[in-house]
Amino acid sequence: MNKLRRLFTRARPESQELNILRGMLASIEQQK
C-alpha cells in the first residue's frame, strides 16, 4: 500500500503510475 500512498501524495504522478492506477480500478470494478 506504500506505493499507493506515494502516488496520491505526488501532485503529478507519472503516466506509467496513472496506467497502473487505472488497471487497479478496472480490476476492482470487475470484482463487484
PDB file of N, CA and C in Angstrom:
ATOM      1  N   MET A   1       0.833  -1.203   0.000  1.00  0.00           N
ATOM      2  CA  MET A   1       0.000   0.000   0.000  1.00  0.00           C
ATOM      3  C   MET A   1       0.866   1.252   0.000  1.00  0.00           C
ATOM      4  N   ASN A   2       2.136   1.109   0.324  1.00  0.00           N
ATOM      5  CA  ASN A   2       3.021   2.272   0.331  1.00  0.00           C
ATOM      6  C   ASN A   2       3.084   2.912  -1.043  1.00  0.00           C
ATOM      7  N   LYS A   3       3.065   2.080  -2.084  1.00  0.00           N
ATOM      8  CA  LYS A   3       3.135   2.615  -3.441  1.00  0.00           C
ATOM      9  C   LYS A   3       1.935   3.502  -3.715  1.00  0.00           C
ATOM     10  N   LEU A   4       0.760   3.075  -3.264  1.00  0.00           N
ATOM     11  CA  LEU A   4      -0.452   3.871  -3.479  1.00  0.00           C
ATOM     12  C   LEU A   4      -0.318   5.209  -2.767  1.00  0.00           C
ATOM     13  N   ARG A   5       0.191   5.183  -1.557  1.00  0.00           N
ATOM     14  CA  ARG A   5       0.342   6.429  -0.798  1.00  0.00           C
ATOM     15  C   ARG A   5       1.270   7.378  -1.537  1.00  0.00           C
ATOM     16  N   ARG A   6       2.345   6.843  -2.095  1.00  0.00           N
ATOM     17  CA  ARG A   6       3.288   7.692  -2.836  1.00  0.00           C
ATOM     18  C   ARG A   6       2.597   8.317  -4.033  1.00  0.00           C
ATOM     19  N   LEU A   7       1.739   7.512  -4.694  1.00  0.00           N
ATOM     20  CA  LEU A   7       1.035   8.027  -5.876  1.00  0.00           C
ATOM     21  C   LEU A   7       0.166   9.211  -5.488  1.00  0.00           C
ATOM     22  N   PHE A   8      -0.604   9.058  -4.405  1.00  0.00           N
ATOM     23  CA  PHE A   8      -1.552  10.106  -4.046  1.00  0.00           C
ATOM     24  C   PHE A   8      -0.860  11.320  -3.443  1.00  0.00           C
ATOM     25  N   THR A   9       0.292  11.116  -2.814  1.00  0.00           N
ATOM     26  CA  THR A   9       0.977  12.256  -2.209  1.00  0.00           C
ATOM     27  C   THR A   9       1.643  13.111  -3.284  1.00  0.00           C
ATOM     28  N   ARG A  10       1.944  12.499  -4.424  1.00  0.00           N
ATOM     29  CA  ARG A  10       2.567  13.268  -5.512  1.00  0.00           C
ATOM     30  C   ARG A  10       1.533  14.163  -6.179  1.00  0.00           C
ATOM     31  N   ALA A  11       1.910  15.374  -6.479  1.00  0.00           N
ATOM     32  CA  ALA A  11       0.989  16.285  -7.154  1.00  0.00           C
ATOM     33  C   ALA A  11       0.829  15.879  -8.613  1.00  0.00           C
ATOM     34  N   ARG A  12       1.906  15.367  -9.204  1.00  0.00           N
ATOM     35  CA  ARG A  12       1.851  14.977 -10.614  1.00  0.00           C
ATOM     36  C   ARG A  12       2.409  13.572 -10.798  1.00  0.00           C
ATOM     37  N   PRO A  13       1.558  12.562 -10.662  1.00  0.00           N
ATOM     38  CA  PRO A  13       2.014  11.182 -10.868  1.00  0.00           C
ATOM     39  C   PRO A  13       2.425  10.946 -12.310  1.00  0.00           C
ATOM     40  N   GLU A  14       3.354  10.023 -12.514  1.00  0.00           N
ATOM     41  CA  GLU A  14       3.821   9.736 -13.871  1.00  0.00           C
ATOM     42  C   GLU A  14       2.750   8.997 -14.654  1.00  0.00           C
ATOM     43  N   SER A  15       2.837   9.066 -15.969  1.00  0.00           N
ATOM     44  CA  SER A  15       1.841   8.402 -16.818  1.00  0.00           C
ATOM     45  C   SER A  15       1.826   6.905 -16.542  1.00  0.00           C
ATOM     46  N   GLN A  16       2.996   6.336 -16.293  1.00  0.00           N
ATOM     47  CA  GLN A  16       3.063   4.895 -16.001  1.00  0.00           C
ATOM     48  C   GLN A  16       2.264   4.581 -14.743  1.00  0.00           C
ATOM     49  N   GLU A  17       2.420   5.420 -13.727  1.00  0.00           N
ATOM     50  CA  GLU A  17       1.713   5.183 -12.474  1.00  0.00           C
ATOM     51  C   GLU A  17       0.215   5.350 -12.670  1.00  0.00           C
ATOM     52  N   LEU A  18      -0.173   6.320 -13.516  1.00  0.00           N
ATOM     53  CA  LEU A  18      -1.597   6.516 -13.799  1.00  0.00           C
ATOM     54  C   LEU A  18      -2.166   5.273 -14.458  1.00  0.00           C
ATOM     55  N   ASN A  19      -1.412   4.695 -15.378  1.00  0.00           N
ATOM     56  CA  ASN A  19      -1.880   3.475 -16.051  1.00  0.00           C
ATOM     57  C   ASN A  19      -2.069   2.355 -15.040  1.00  0.00           C
ATOM     58  N   ILE A  20      -1.167   2.264 -14.069  1.00  0.00           N
ATOM     59  CA  ILE A  20      -1.279   1.221 -13.045  1.00  0.00           C
ATOM     60  C   ILE A  20      -2.544   1.442 -12.218  1.00  0.00           C
ATOM     61  N   LEU A  21      -2.788   2.702 -11.847  1.00  0.00           N
ATOM     62  CA  LEU A  21      -3.986   3.002 -11.061  1.00  0.00           C
ATOM     63  C   LEU A  21      -5.231   2.654 -11.851  1.00  0.00           C
ATOM     64  N   ARG A  22      -5.232   3.006 -13.132  1.00  0.00           N
ATOM     65  CA  ARG A  22      -6.397   2.703 -13.972  1.00  0.00           C
ATOM     66  C   ARG A  22      -6.629   1.203 -14.028  1.00  0.00           C
ATOM     67  N   GLY A  23      -5.565   0.442 -14.168  1.00  0.00           N
ATOM     68  CA  GLY A  23      -5.692  -1.013 -14.227  1.00  0.00           C
ATOM     69  C   GLY A  23      -6.242  -1.566 -12.920  1.00  0.00           C
ATOM     70  N   MET A  24      -5.779  -1.016 -11.791  1.00  0.00           N
ATOM     71  CA  MET A  24      -6.262  -1.484 -10.492  1.00  0.00           C
ATOM     72  C   MET A  24      -7.738  -1.160 -10.334  1.00  0.00           C
ATOM     73  N   LEU A  25      -8.123   0.058 -10.710  1.00  0.00           N
ATOM     74  CA  LEU A  25      -9.529   0.454 -10.603  1.00  0.00           C
ATOM     75  C   LEU A  25     -10.391  -0.433 -11.476  1.00  0.00           C
ATOM     76  N   ALA A  26      -9.921  -0.737 -12.666  1.00  0.00           N
ATOM     77  CA  ALA A  26     -10.688  -1.587 -13.585  1.00  0.00           C
ATOM     78  C   ALA A  26     -10.873  -2.974 -12.977  1.00  0.00           C
ATOM     79  N   SER A  27      -9.823  -3.527 -12.393  1.00  0.00           N
ATOM     80  CA  SER A  27      -9.926  -4.872 -11.803  1.00  0.00           C
ATOM     81  C   SER A  27     -10.877  -4.854 -10.609  1.00  0.00           C
ATOM     82  N   ILE A  28     -10.848  -3.769  -9.842  1.00  0.00           N
ATOM     83  CA  ILE A  28     -11.744  -3.671  -8.680  1.00  0.00           C
ATOM     84  C   ILE A  28     -13.192  -3.604  -9.144  1.00  0.00           C
ATOM     85  N   GLU A  29     -13.445  -2.843 -10.201  1.00  0.00           N
ATOM     86  CA  GLU A  29     -14.813  -2.719 -10.710  1.00  0.00           C
ATOM     87  C   GLU A  29     -15.310  -4.063 -11.228  1.00  0.00           C
ATOM     88  N   GLN A  30     -14.421  -4.846 -11.814  1.00  0.00           N
ATOM     89  CA  GLN A  30     -14.825  -6.146 -12.354  1.00  0.00           C
ATOM     90  C   GLN A  30     -15.188  -7.103 -11.223  1.00  0.00           C
ATOM     91  N   GLN A  31     -14.549  -6.957 -10.069  1.00  0.00           N
ATOM     92  CA  GLN A  31     -14.813  -7.869  -8.953  1.00  0.00           C
ATOM     93  C   GLN A  31     -16.193  -7.616  -8.353  1.00  0.00           C
ATOM     94  N   LYS A  32     -16.697  -6.403  -8.468  1.00  0.00           N
ATOM     95  CA  LYS A  32     -18.007  -6.074  -7.879  1.00  0.00           C
ATOM     96  C   LYS A  32     -19.112  -6.858  -8.562  1.00  0.00           C
TER      97      LYS A  32
END
